[in-house]
Protein backbone atom coordinates (compact mmCIF):
# COMPACT_ATOMS: atom_id res chain seq x y z
CA MET A 1 0.00 0.00 0.00
CA SER A 2 1.38 3.39 -1.04
CA SER A 3 1.15 6.55 1.05
CA VAL A 4 -0.13 8.25 -2.10
CA LEU A 5 -2.65 5.81 -3.53
CA ASP A 6 -4.51 2.56 -3.11
CA PHE A 7 -4.72 0.18 -6.05
CA THR A 8 -7.06 -2.79 -6.13
CA ALA A 9 -6.65 -5.26 -8.97
CA PRO A 10 -9.70 -7.05 -10.41
CA GLU A 11 -10.61 -10.17 -8.49
CA HIS A 12 -11.27 -12.22 -11.62
CA GLY A 13 -12.32 -11.84 -15.24
CA ARG A 14 -10.54 -8.57 -15.89
CA THR A 15 -12.31 -6.11 -18.17
CA PRO A 16 -11.03 -3.02 -20.05
CA VAL A 17 -12.37 -0.69 -17.30
CA LEU A 18 -10.21 1.30 -14.88
CA VAL A 19 -11.95 3.34 -12.17
CA GLU A 20 -9.98 6.24 -10.69
CA VAL A 21 -11.01 8.33 -7.68
CA PRO A 22 -8.58 11.24 -7.24
CA HIS A 23 -10.35 13.34 -4.59
CA ALA A 24 -11.64 11.02 -1.86
CA GLY A 25 -8.44 11.09 0.21
CA LEU A 26 -8.07 13.11 3.41
CA SER A 27 -4.46 12.42 4.39
CA ILE A 28 -1.99 15.26 4.94
CA PRO A 29 1.58 13.91 5.05
CA GLU A 30 3.46 14.86 8.20
CA PRO A 31 5.98 17.19 6.48
CA LEU A 32 3.12 19.28 5.05
CA LYS A 33 0.95 19.67 8.15
CA GLN A 34 2.56 23.01 9.03
CA GLU A 35 1.96 24.33 5.51
CA ILE A 36 -1.76 23.53 5.29
CA LEU A 37 -4.23 25.42 7.45
CA ALA A 38 -7.54 23.71 6.72
CA SER A 39 -9.22 21.63 9.43
CA GLU A 40 -10.33 18.03 8.96
CA ASP A 41 -13.98 19.14 8.69
CA THR A 42 -13.06 21.54 5.90
CA ARG A 43 -11.03 18.84 4.16
CA LYS A 44 -14.06 16.55 4.26
CA ARG A 45 -16.33 19.17 2.72
CA ASP A 46 -13.90 19.75 -0.16
CA ALA A 47 -13.16 16.06 -0.69
CA ASP A 48 -15.18 13.66 -2.81
CA LEU A 49 -15.89 11.92 0.45
CA TYR A 50 -16.68 8.19 0.28
CA VAL A 51 -16.55 8.00 -3.53
CA ASP A 52 -13.79 5.40 -3.28
CA GLU A 53 -16.15 3.35 -1.09
CA LEU A 54 -19.02 3.82 -3.53
CA PHE A 55 -16.87 2.09 -6.16
CA THR A 56 -15.54 -0.53 -3.76
CA TYR A 57 -17.20 -3.38 -5.69
CA ALA A 58 -15.67 -2.44 -9.06
CA PRO A 59 -12.91 -5.08 -8.74
CA GLU A 60 -15.57 -7.76 -8.19
CA VAL A 61 -16.82 -7.19 -11.73
CA GLY A 62 -13.43 -7.04 -13.41
CA ALA A 63 -12.36 -3.40 -13.14
CA ALA A 64 -9.18 -2.09 -11.54
CA LEU A 65 -9.68 0.61 -8.89
CA LEU A 66 -7.17 3.41 -8.27
CA ALA A 67 -7.89 5.85 -5.43
CA ALA A 68 -5.81 8.66 -3.97
CA ARG A 69 -5.10 8.73 -0.26
CA VAL A 70 -3.80 12.30 0.00
CA SER A 71 -6.09 15.29 0.34
CA ARG A 72 -6.60 17.50 -2.69
CA TYR A 73 -5.16 20.26 -0.47
CA VAL A 74 -1.78 18.55 -0.94
CA VAL A 75 -2.13 18.40 -4.71
CA ASP A 76 -5.20 18.32 -6.91
CA LEU A 77 -4.73 15.20 -8.99
CA ASN A 78 -7.35 16.31 -11.50
CA ARG A 79 -5.26 19.32 -12.52
CA ALA A 80 -2.26 19.52 -14.81
CA PRO A 81 1.06 19.69 -12.95
CA ASP A 82 1.74 23.16 -14.40
CA ASP A 83 -1.74 24.51 -13.53
CA VAL A 84 -0.46 26.81 -10.79
CA GLU A 85 -2.30 29.97 -9.86
CA LEU A 86 0.12 32.86 -9.26
CA GLY A 87 -1.21 33.62 -5.77
CA ALA A 88 -0.11 30.19 -4.57
CA LEU A 89 3.53 30.91 -5.37
CA GLU A 90 6.21 32.89 -3.60
CA ASP A 91 7.37 34.05 -7.02
CA PRO A 92 4.12 34.91 -8.86
CA ALA A 93 5.97 35.40 -12.13
CA SER A 94 6.17 31.60 -12.45
CA GLY A 95 2.41 31.15 -12.05
CA ARG A 96 -0.55 32.32 -14.06
CA VAL A 97 -3.69 34.34 -13.53
CA GLY A 98 -6.53 31.95 -12.95
CA GLN A 99 -8.74 30.24 -10.41
CA PRO A 100 -7.26 29.92 -6.90
CA ARG A 101 -7.60 26.13 -7.00
CA GLY A 102 -5.12 24.75 -9.48
CA VAL A 103 -2.82 21.82 -8.81
CA VAL A 104 -2.19 23.47 -5.42
CA TRP A 105 -5.18 25.10 -3.76
CA ARG A 106 -4.67 28.55 -2.29
CA VAL A 107 -8.16 28.77 -0.76
CA THR A 108 -11.01 26.37 0.02
CA THR A 109 -14.27 26.41 -1.92
CA ASP A 110 -15.76 28.64 0.77
CA GLY A 111 -12.89 31.11 0.55
CA ARG A 112 -10.78 30.13 3.56
CA PRO A 113 -6.99 29.97 3.15
CA VAL A 114 -5.39 26.58 2.56
CA LEU A 115 -1.76 27.66 2.38
CA ARG A 116 -0.10 29.20 5.43
CA THR A 117 2.31 30.97 3.06
CA PRO A 118 2.84 30.85 -0.71
CA LEU A 119 5.07 28.02 -1.92
CA ASP A 120 8.53 28.46 -3.34
CA ALA A 121 9.58 26.56 -6.45
CA THR A 122 11.25 23.80 -4.43
CA ALA A 123 8.20 23.12 -2.27
CA LEU A 124 5.94 23.06 -5.29
CA GLY A 125 8.28 20.71 -7.13
CA GLN A 126 8.38 18.35 -4.17
CA ARG A 127 4.60 18.12 -4.02
CA ILE A 128 4.40 17.32 -7.71
CA ALA A 129 7.22 14.76 -7.53
CA LEU A 130 6.02 13.01 -4.37
CA TYR A 131 2.26 12.95 -4.89
CA HIS A 132 1.09 14.02 -8.36
CA SER A 133 3.65 12.18 -10.48
CA PRO A 134 3.35 8.73 -8.80
CA TYR A 135 -0.44 8.76 -9.07
CA HIS A 136 -0.44 9.59 -12.76
CA ALA A 137 2.44 7.24 -13.48
CA ARG A 138 0.35 4.37 -12.08
CA LEU A 139 -2.73 5.59 -13.97
CA ARG A 140 -0.80 5.69 -17.26
CA GLU A 141 0.73 2.28 -16.60
CA GLU A 142 -2.64 0.65 -15.97
CA LEU A 143 -4.21 2.26 -19.03
CA GLU A 144 -1.32 1.10 -21.22
CA LEU A 145 -1.51 -2.45 -19.87
CA THR A 146 -5.26 -2.48 -20.43
CA ARG A 147 -4.96 -1.29 -24.02
CA GLU A 148 -2.26 -3.86 -24.72
CA ARG A 149 -4.48 -6.63 -23.41
CA PHE A 150 -7.86 -5.64 -24.84
CA GLY A 151 -7.04 -3.25 -27.66
CA TYR A 152 -8.83 -0.40 -25.86
CA ALA A 153 -9.34 0.99 -22.36
CA ILE A 154 -12.17 2.79 -20.57
CA LEU A 155 -11.27 5.20 -17.76
CA LEU A 156 -14.12 6.06 -15.42
CA ALA A 157 -13.23 9.02 -13.18
CA GLY A 158 -15.40 9.03 -10.06
CA HIS A 159 -16.22 12.34 -8.39
CA SER A 160 -18.90 13.95 -6.24
CA MET A 161 -20.44 17.41 -6.15
CA PRO A 162 -22.47 19.57 -3.77
CA SER A 163 -26.18 19.05 -4.29
CA ALA A 164 -26.97 22.67 -5.07
CA VAL A 165 -25.45 25.97 -6.10
CA ARG A 166 -26.61 29.44 -5.10
CA ARG A 167 -27.74 31.75 -7.89
CA GLY A 168 -27.96 35.25 -6.50
CA ALA A 169 -28.95 36.20 -2.96
CA ARG A 170 -31.93 33.87 -2.58
CA ASP A 171 -32.17 31.43 -5.44
CA ILE A 172 -30.72 27.98 -4.94
CA GLU A 173 -30.46 25.66 -7.92
CA ARG A 174 -30.37 21.93 -7.26
CA ARG A 175 -28.00 20.05 -9.47
CA ALA A 176 -28.81 16.85 -11.32
CA ASP A 177 -28.25 13.55 -9.53
CA ILE A 178 -25.56 12.51 -12.00
CA VAL A 179 -23.40 14.66 -14.26
CA PRO A 180 -21.40 12.70 -16.86
CA GLY A 181 -18.52 14.76 -18.24
CA SER A 182 -17.07 13.90 -21.61
CA LEU A 183 -15.90 17.29 -22.88
CA GLY A 184 -18.91 17.55 -25.13
CA GLY A 185 -18.70 13.92 -26.19
CA THR A 186 -15.09 14.16 -27.36
CA SER A 187 -13.29 12.15 -24.66
CA CYS A 188 -14.92 8.78 -25.29
CA ASP A 189 -16.97 6.71 -27.69
CA PRO A 190 -20.64 7.86 -27.89
CA ARG A 191 -21.73 4.39 -26.81
CA ILE A 192 -20.14 4.94 -23.42
CA VAL A 193 -21.98 8.22 -22.92
CA GLU A 194 -25.26 6.61 -23.98
CA LEU A 195 -24.80 3.62 -21.68
CA VAL A 196 -24.02 5.85 -18.68
CA ASP A 197 -27.02 8.06 -19.43
CA GLN A 198 -29.48 5.19 -19.81
CA HIS A 199 -28.14 3.32 -16.79
CA PHE A 200 -28.82 6.14 -14.36
CA ARG A 201 -32.09 7.26 -15.93
CA ALA A 202 -33.41 3.70 -15.72
CA ALA A 203 -32.69 3.84 -11.99
CA GLY A 204 -34.87 6.96 -11.67
CA LEU A 205 -32.03 9.45 -11.35
CA SER A 206 -31.75 12.76 -13.16
CA VAL A 207 -28.84 13.18 -15.57
CA ARG A 208 -27.35 16.35 -17.04
CA HIS A 209 -24.34 16.06 -19.31
CA ASP A 210 -21.31 18.33 -18.92
CA ASP A 211 -23.21 20.76 -16.67
CA PRO A 212 -21.66 22.10 -14.53
CA TYR A 213 -18.63 19.79 -14.97
CA ARG A 214 -17.36 18.88 -18.43
CA GLY A 215 -14.40 16.86 -17.19
CA GLY A 216 -11.03 17.77 -15.74
CA PHE A 217 -7.39 17.01 -16.41
CA ALA A 218 -7.80 13.23 -16.44
CA THR A 219 -10.69 13.30 -18.90
CA ALA A 220 -8.89 15.68 -21.24
CA HIS A 221 -5.44 14.12 -20.89
CA TYR A 222 -6.36 10.44 -21.09
CA GLY A 223 -9.49 10.58 -23.21
CA ARG A 224 -8.18 9.75 -26.69
CA PRO A 225 -10.88 7.81 -28.53
CA ALA A 226 -8.91 7.81 -31.79
CA GLN A 227 -6.22 5.85 -29.94
CA LYS A 228 -8.75 3.48 -28.36
CA GLN A 229 -8.44 5.12 -24.96
CA HIS A 230 -11.74 6.42 -23.61
CA ALA A 231 -12.40 8.57 -20.54
CA ILE A 232 -15.59 9.73 -18.88
CA GLN A 233 -16.03 11.64 -15.62
CA ILE A 234 -19.03 10.96 -13.41
CA GLU A 235 -20.06 13.52 -10.80
CA ILE A 236 -22.41 12.12 -8.16
CA ASN A 237 -24.72 14.44 -6.24
CA ARG A 238 -23.65 14.12 -2.59
CA ALA A 239 -27.21 14.40 -1.29
CA LEU A 240 -27.86 10.98 -2.81
CA TYR A 241 -25.66 9.21 -0.30
CA MET A 242 -24.67 11.49 2.59
CA ASP A 243 -25.78 14.36 4.80
CA GLU A 244 -23.74 17.24 3.43
CA LEU A 245 -23.54 19.11 6.74
CA SER A 246 -22.57 16.23 9.03
CA CYS A 247 -20.82 14.16 6.33
CA VAL A 248 -22.64 11.08 7.65
CA ARG A 249 -23.57 8.36 5.15
CA LYS A 250 -27.22 7.68 4.39
CA THR A 251 -26.87 3.96 4.98
CA ASP A 252 -29.62 2.54 2.76
CA ASN A 253 -29.04 5.05 -0.04
CA PHE A 254 -25.30 4.39 0.13
CA ALA A 255 -25.75 0.65 -0.35
CA ARG A 256 -28.16 1.16 -3.26
CA LEU A 257 -25.76 3.54 -4.98
CA GLN A 258 -22.86 1.11 -4.47
CA GLN A 259 -24.90 -1.56 -6.22
CA LEU A 260 -25.89 0.80 -9.04
CA LEU A 261 -22.26 1.75 -9.65
CA LYS A 262 -21.17 -1.89 -9.52
CA GLU A 263 -23.74 -2.66 -12.22
CA LEU A 264 -22.55 0.31 -14.30
CA VAL A 265 -18.92 -0.82 -14.15
CA ALA A 266 -19.97 -4.34 -15.12
CA ARG A 267 -21.96 -3.05 -18.12
CA LEU A 268 -19.08 -0.85 -19.27
CA GLY A 269 -16.83 -3.89 -19.11
CA GLN A 270 -19.15 -5.73 -21.49
CA LEU A 271 -18.96 -3.07 -24.20
CA GLU A 272 -16.97 -4.01 -27.27
CA LEU A 273 -15.39 -0.88 -28.74
């Protein structure tokens, strides 16, 4: 077991599916605890909490499962290694103007500081080398092995999202139950998008494609349908399986969603692309 990631190989009957969960981890390595201000409660709210557990049965139906252990406050594994916002750096000339949550988060989603002080180039490089690079090296390795064996690979990136977003002072807009992200259908074969859509709709869940999440670094970087490498991101509405304030699982809902995701992974593994 790595300090960076957990990898679970398929139990039997391997399929071309690889599930990756980059944001469920909460761990802050000891050397970084003085650099990161956020409390455990804040880390939980900004994590894709329990998504690794939601996909825990994927290896039973032939898929490999890769999940990060470190918090996204250490590095955001769904960002490019050079996606560094200038405010996060001691020398802003080496960053760029952009959102404050690149590969290193400067602030939480509710605006609280994550970094005690901006990082120098050495500290940033160490985070990339120790946490970002090993995760993506293993992801690339597994995708390459899968393509060699089957002729194609399907990457399913598992994420979660807050159930609602505020629009203006009073209006609150509830998000769909499931948001598949495929960069407008360009990161994978259309049959994958259709299967995902129908699977969740048949279970009575609402589905909205690419809104508000089209896919992140993994979807864009690894989704190469022309090269027989397909990637789709699935955002799961947190209200389906947990209380968003207390972060407590909704036990019955959690088990039903685990089963639904197990069935999805099994169906994806049966596709012939």
